[in-house]
N, C-alpha and C. Protein backbone atom coordinates (compact mmCIF):
# COMPACT_ATOMS: atom_id res chain seq x y z
N MET A 1 -237.53 47.37 26.09
CA MET A 1 -238.22 48.35 26.00
C MET A 1 -237.72 49.61 26.60
N THR A 2 -237.28 49.51 27.34
CA THR A 2 -236.50 50.73 28.12
C THR A 2 -235.49 51.26 27.26
N LEU A 3 -234.83 50.21 26.43
CA LEU A 3 -233.42 50.56 26.27
C LEU A 3 -233.96 51.21 24.65
N TRP A 4 -235.04 50.30 24.40
CA TRP A 4 -235.54 50.90 23.00
C TRP A 4 -235.85 52.45 23.01
N THR A 5 -236.70 52.72 24.29
CA THR A 5 -237.30 53.67 24.31
C THR A 5 -236.36 54.99 24.69
N PHE A 6 -235.28 54.97 25.54
CA PHE A 6 -234.11 55.50 25.42
C PHE A 6 -233.53 56.01 24.37
N LEU A 7 -233.06 55.03 23.12
CA LEU A 7 -232.54 55.34 21.63
C LEU A 7 -233.24 56.01 21.14
N SER A 8 -234.71 55.84 21.25
CA SER A 8 -235.58 56.62 20.53
C SER A 8 -235.60 58.37 21.41
N GLN A 9 -235.86 58.33 22.07
CA GLN A 9 -235.28 59.67 22.62
C GLN A 9 -234.37 60.31 22.54
N VAL A 10 -232.83 59.71 22.36
CA VAL A 10 -231.77 60.49 22.19
C VAL A 10 -232.30 60.52 20.58
N LEU A 11 -232.61 59.80 20.02
CA LEU A 11 -232.37 60.35 18.27
C LEU A 11 -233.49 61.53 18.26
N ASP A 12 -234.27 61.65 18.82
CA ASP A 12 -235.67 62.71 17.93
C ASP A 12 -235.33 63.77 18.67
N ALA A 13 -235.64 64.65 17.44
CA ALA A 13 -235.76 66.11 18.23
C ALA A 13 -235.54 66.75 19.12
N ASP A 14 -237.01 65.80 19.84
CA ASP A 14 -237.91 66.42 20.65
C ASP A 14 -237.32 65.21 21.83
N LYS A 15 -236.56 65.60 22.52
CA LYS A 15 -235.53 64.63 23.93
C LYS A 15 -236.66 64.45 24.93
N SER A 16 -237.96 65.08 24.92
CA SER A 16 -238.53 64.70 26.60
C SER A 16 -239.17 63.51 26.64
N CYS A 17 -239.12 63.46 28.12
CA CYS A 17 -239.35 62.12 28.49
C CYS A 17 -240.98 61.62 27.79
N ALA A 18 -241.94 62.37 27.73
CA ALA A 18 -243.31 62.66 27.86
C ALA A 18 -243.35 62.09 26.11
N ASN A 19 -242.53 62.43 25.44
CA ASN A 19 -242.68 62.48 23.74
C ASN A 19 -242.21 61.10 23.85
N ALA A 20 -240.83 60.38 24.60
CA ALA A 20 -240.74 58.81 24.29
C ALA A 20 -241.60 58.03 24.68
N VAL A 21 -242.65 58.53 25.92
CA VAL A 21 -243.50 57.77 26.44
C VAL A 21 -244.17 57.50 25.40
N SER A 22 -244.90 58.23 24.63
CA SER A 22 -245.92 58.65 23.90
C SER A 22 -245.43 57.68 22.80
N ARG A 23 -244.34 57.60 22.09
CA ARG A 23 -244.19 56.89 21.10
C ARG A 23 -244.12 55.13 21.59
N VAL A 24 -243.88 55.16 22.99
CA VAL A 24 -244.13 53.33 23.08
C VAL A 24 -245.73 53.38 23.40
N ILE A 25 -246.84 53.88 23.95
CA ILE A 25 -247.88 54.12 23.84
C ILE A 25 -248.61 53.72 22.60
N ALA A 26 -248.19 54.46 21.47
CA ALA A 26 -248.50 54.25 20.59
C ALA A 26 -248.22 53.44 19.33
N TRP A 27 -246.75 52.85 19.33
CA TRP A 27 -246.46 51.48 19.22
C TRP A 27 -247.21 50.49 19.68
N LEU A 28 -247.50 50.37 21.60
CA LEU A 28 -248.18 49.54 21.62
C LEU A 28 -249.62 49.27 21.28
N ALA A 29 -250.05 50.34 21.05
CA ALA A 29 -251.56 50.73 20.51
C ALA A 29 -251.67 49.96 19.02
N SER A 30 -250.76 50.36 18.21
CA SER A 30 -250.78 49.77 16.79
C SER A 30 -250.60 48.20 16.68
N VAL A 31 -250.04 47.39 17.70
CA VAL A 31 -249.90 46.16 17.74
C VAL A 31 -250.94 45.79 18.77
N ASN A 32 -252.28 45.94 19.38
CA ASN A 32 -253.18 45.79 20.28
C ASN A 32 -252.43 45.45 20.68
N ALA A 33 -251.67 45.89 21.61
CA ALA A 33 -251.11 45.35 23.12
C ALA A 33 -251.50 46.27 24.57
N PRO A 34 -251.48 45.96 25.91
CA PRO A 34 -252.24 46.51 26.28
C PRO A 34 -250.94 47.83 26.70
N THR A 35 -251.63 48.86 26.67
CA THR A 35 -250.91 50.58 27.18
C THR A 35 -250.54 50.98 28.08
N PRO A 36 -249.51 51.30 28.33
CA PRO A 36 -249.05 51.91 30.07
C PRO A 36 -249.52 53.63 29.89
N SER A 37 -249.75 53.13 31.38
CA SER A 37 -250.00 55.22 31.71
C SER A 37 -248.68 55.99 30.80
N ASP A 38 -249.52 57.49 30.70
CA ASP A 38 -248.81 58.35 30.23
C ASP A 38 -247.88 58.83 31.10
N ASP A 39 -247.69 58.70 32.51
CA ASP A 39 -247.01 59.28 33.40
C ASP A 39 -245.50 58.55 33.31
N THR A 40 -244.40 59.81 32.95
CA THR A 40 -243.59 59.36 32.60
C THR A 40 -242.14 58.56 33.83
N SER A 41 -242.80 58.77 34.66
CA SER A 41 -241.83 58.50 36.30
C SER A 41 -241.05 57.16 36.08
N ALA A 42 -242.42 55.85 36.05
CA ALA A 42 -241.51 54.59 36.03
C ALA A 42 -240.56 54.87 34.22
N TYR A 43 -240.67 55.48 33.59
CA TYR A 43 -239.38 55.12 32.27
C TYR A 43 -238.58 55.88 32.76
N CYS A 44 -238.91 56.92 33.35
CA CYS A 44 -237.51 57.86 33.87
C CYS A 44 -236.51 57.00 35.19
N GLN A 45 -237.16 56.23 36.01
CA GLN A 45 -236.80 55.57 36.89
C GLN A 45 -235.86 54.32 36.04
N ALA A 46 -236.78 53.83 35.30
CA ALA A 46 -235.92 52.69 34.52
C ALA A 46 -235.01 53.28 33.59
N ARG A 47 -234.93 53.98 33.43
CA ARG A 47 -233.60 54.68 32.38
C ARG A 47 -232.85 54.91 33.32
N SER A 48 -232.50 55.10 34.25
CA SER A 48 -231.66 55.27 34.85
C SER A 48 -230.92 54.28 35.78
N ARG A 49 -231.81 53.33 35.39
CA ARG A 49 -231.40 51.57 35.82
C ARG A 49 -230.29 51.28 34.91
N LEU A 50 -230.62 52.06 33.48
CA LEU A 50 -229.87 51.26 32.91
C LEU A 50 -228.03 50.90 32.86
N PRO A 51 -227.73 50.30 32.96
CA PRO A 51 -226.08 50.09 33.06
C PRO A 51 -225.48 50.97 32.14
N GLU A 52 -224.69 51.89 32.68
CA GLU A 52 -224.09 52.68 31.51
C GLU A 52 -222.99 51.59 30.91
N ASN A 53 -222.17 50.49 31.27
CA ASN A 53 -221.20 49.74 30.86
C ASN A 53 -221.90 48.97 29.86
N LEU A 54 -223.50 48.85 29.63
CA LEU A 54 -224.34 48.15 28.82
C LEU A 54 -224.55 49.27 27.47
N LEU A 55 -224.22 50.49 27.58
CA LEU A 55 -224.38 51.67 26.83
C LEU A 55 -223.25 51.22 26.19
N GLN A 56 -222.26 51.46 26.66
CA GLN A 56 -221.06 51.53 26.04
C GLN A 56 -220.68 50.22 25.17
N GLN A 57 -220.78 49.75 25.75
CA GLN A 57 -220.48 48.29 24.61
C GLN A 57 -221.45 48.42 23.49
N LEU A 58 -222.77 48.48 23.75
CA LEU A 58 -223.41 48.75 22.19
C LEU A 58 -223.05 49.74 21.33
N PHE A 59 -222.78 50.83 22.18
CA PHE A 59 -222.17 51.65 21.32
C PHE A 59 -221.15 51.31 20.56
N SER A 60 -219.91 50.59 21.01
CA SER A 60 -218.84 50.53 20.69
C SER A 60 -218.90 49.22 19.46
N ASN A 61 -219.68 48.04 20.42
CA ASN A 61 -219.99 47.13 18.88
C ASN A 61 -221.27 47.73 17.92
N VAL A 62 -221.61 48.77 17.68
CA VAL A 62 -222.18 49.68 16.59
C VAL A 62 -221.04 49.82 15.76
N GLY A 63 -220.46 51.22 16.68
CA GLY A 63 -219.34 51.52 16.09
C GLY A 63 -218.44 50.70 15.15
N GLN A 64 -218.09 50.05 16.15
CA GLN A 64 -217.36 48.64 15.32
C GLN A 64 -217.55 47.98 14.36
N LYS A 65 -218.72 47.71 14.11
CA LYS A 65 -219.39 46.89 12.98
C LYS A 65 -219.86 47.81 11.57
N LEU A 66 -220.36 48.96 12.08
CA LEU A 66 -220.50 49.78 11.02
C LEU A 66 -219.08 49.94 10.28
N GLU A 67 -217.87 50.30 11.37
CA GLU A 67 -216.78 50.32 10.75
C GLU A 67 -215.73 49.44 9.53
N ASN A 68 -216.49 48.44 10.21
CA ASN A 68 -216.10 46.96 9.54
C ASN A 68 -216.52 46.70 7.88
N GLN A 69 -217.70 47.43 7.74
CA GLN A 69 -218.66 47.32 6.55
C GLN A 69 -218.57 48.64 5.50
N VAL A 70 -217.25 49.79 6.14
CA VAL A 70 -217.28 50.79 5.45
C VAL A 70 -215.60 50.51 4.13
N ARG A 71 -215.96 50.63 3.23
CA ARG A 71 -214.88 50.14 1.84
C ARG A 71 -213.58 50.95 1.96
N PRO A 72 -212.79 50.90 2.16
CA PRO A 72 -211.58 51.60 2.31
C PRO A 72 -211.33 53.01 1.59
N GLU A 73 -211.97 53.28 -0.02
CA GLU A 73 -211.91 54.22 -0.43
C GLU A 73 -212.63 55.19 -0.04
N HIS A 74 -213.96 54.65 0.95
CA HIS A 74 -214.81 55.60 1.82
C HIS A 74 -214.03 55.91 3.07
N LEU A 75 -212.54 55.97 3.27
CA LEU A 75 -212.05 55.93 4.64
C LEU A 75 -211.58 57.69 4.40
């Protein structure tokens, strides 16, 4: 959940933690799951614990898969 929230935060125009947490709350509410507090401190702490090497591997793997799908005439 933390990784998904972080990625949605990075990709959104509003990069605030409050916006990211509100997106999680909205999604959980839409699937009738218990919703957390709108306090951003727990998310910010969890985000800071994301291993940097995990993010590097994720971005590298996604980039490689995208590159492999590009046809030579589009390079």
